[in-house]
Amino acid sequence: MLDTAHHPAPEIAARNMGVAVESIIVEPGKSSFERVGPSMNRSLSNFNEKVRSSFYGVLPYAAATIILNGYVSGLLQPANDSTEFEKLILPLMIGTIANGVRGISNAIAVHSVHPQRDRPSDDTAVIIRPSQGPTLPELSVVAKKSAIRFFMSACRNTFYVQLRKGGMSVLHASVLAQFAYAFFAQNRDLVYDLMQGEGWISVSQNRGLSADF
């Protein structure tokens, strides 16, 4: 609204209504099924390791987002920026594949960065957690995750619409908007960690943690 002198483009409102519904559906689903099958216990890593894992995983995720959400989805979108759901369902479904790439690449990054300091006697301290099946997510956490997803998606949509208003093609605007979204989406967990009081640790502290964990 500030960018458009309190006259937001109608396509922004329509798209953001869509991402609001998406956020409400996707985040509870992810939280409920994230422990189906083996998973990585990211909480065992200190903040330094989490930063390294996040940046190691950003390139595969950004590539998948740009190619699938940006390029392929951009090719399939109507040239007139339609907000009709039936015309956008296929591009949206193709774009979801990038989330799978993010999960796989992040899991590999966490495992490769985490030092071999697991305690076999304690299952909660093992970096690769066994499958626990579907779980009931914590409502407050899901609400926060849904709000963050909506905020980032709304920013992406506004950026896209402004690029289109500037004369950029659907394809190029989609690729640029998705590139910006991928970087922030990949590192959102780091922001949450900082909000919980985590922070950088010195090399000597890091060595002490590795020895005493």
Foldseek 3Di string as FASTA:
>chain_A
DVVVVPPDDPLLVLVLVVLLVVLVPPLQVCQFFVLAFKAFDLVLDALVLVVQLLVQLLVQLLVQLLVLLFAVLLVQADQVSDSDCVSNVVSVVSNCVSVVSSRVSSRVSSVVSDDPQADVVDQSRDRIHGHDGTDRGDPVVSVVSSVVSSVLSSVLSVQLVVVVVVPDTSRVSRSVSSSVSSSCVSCVVSVVVVVVPGDDDDPVVVVVSSVPD
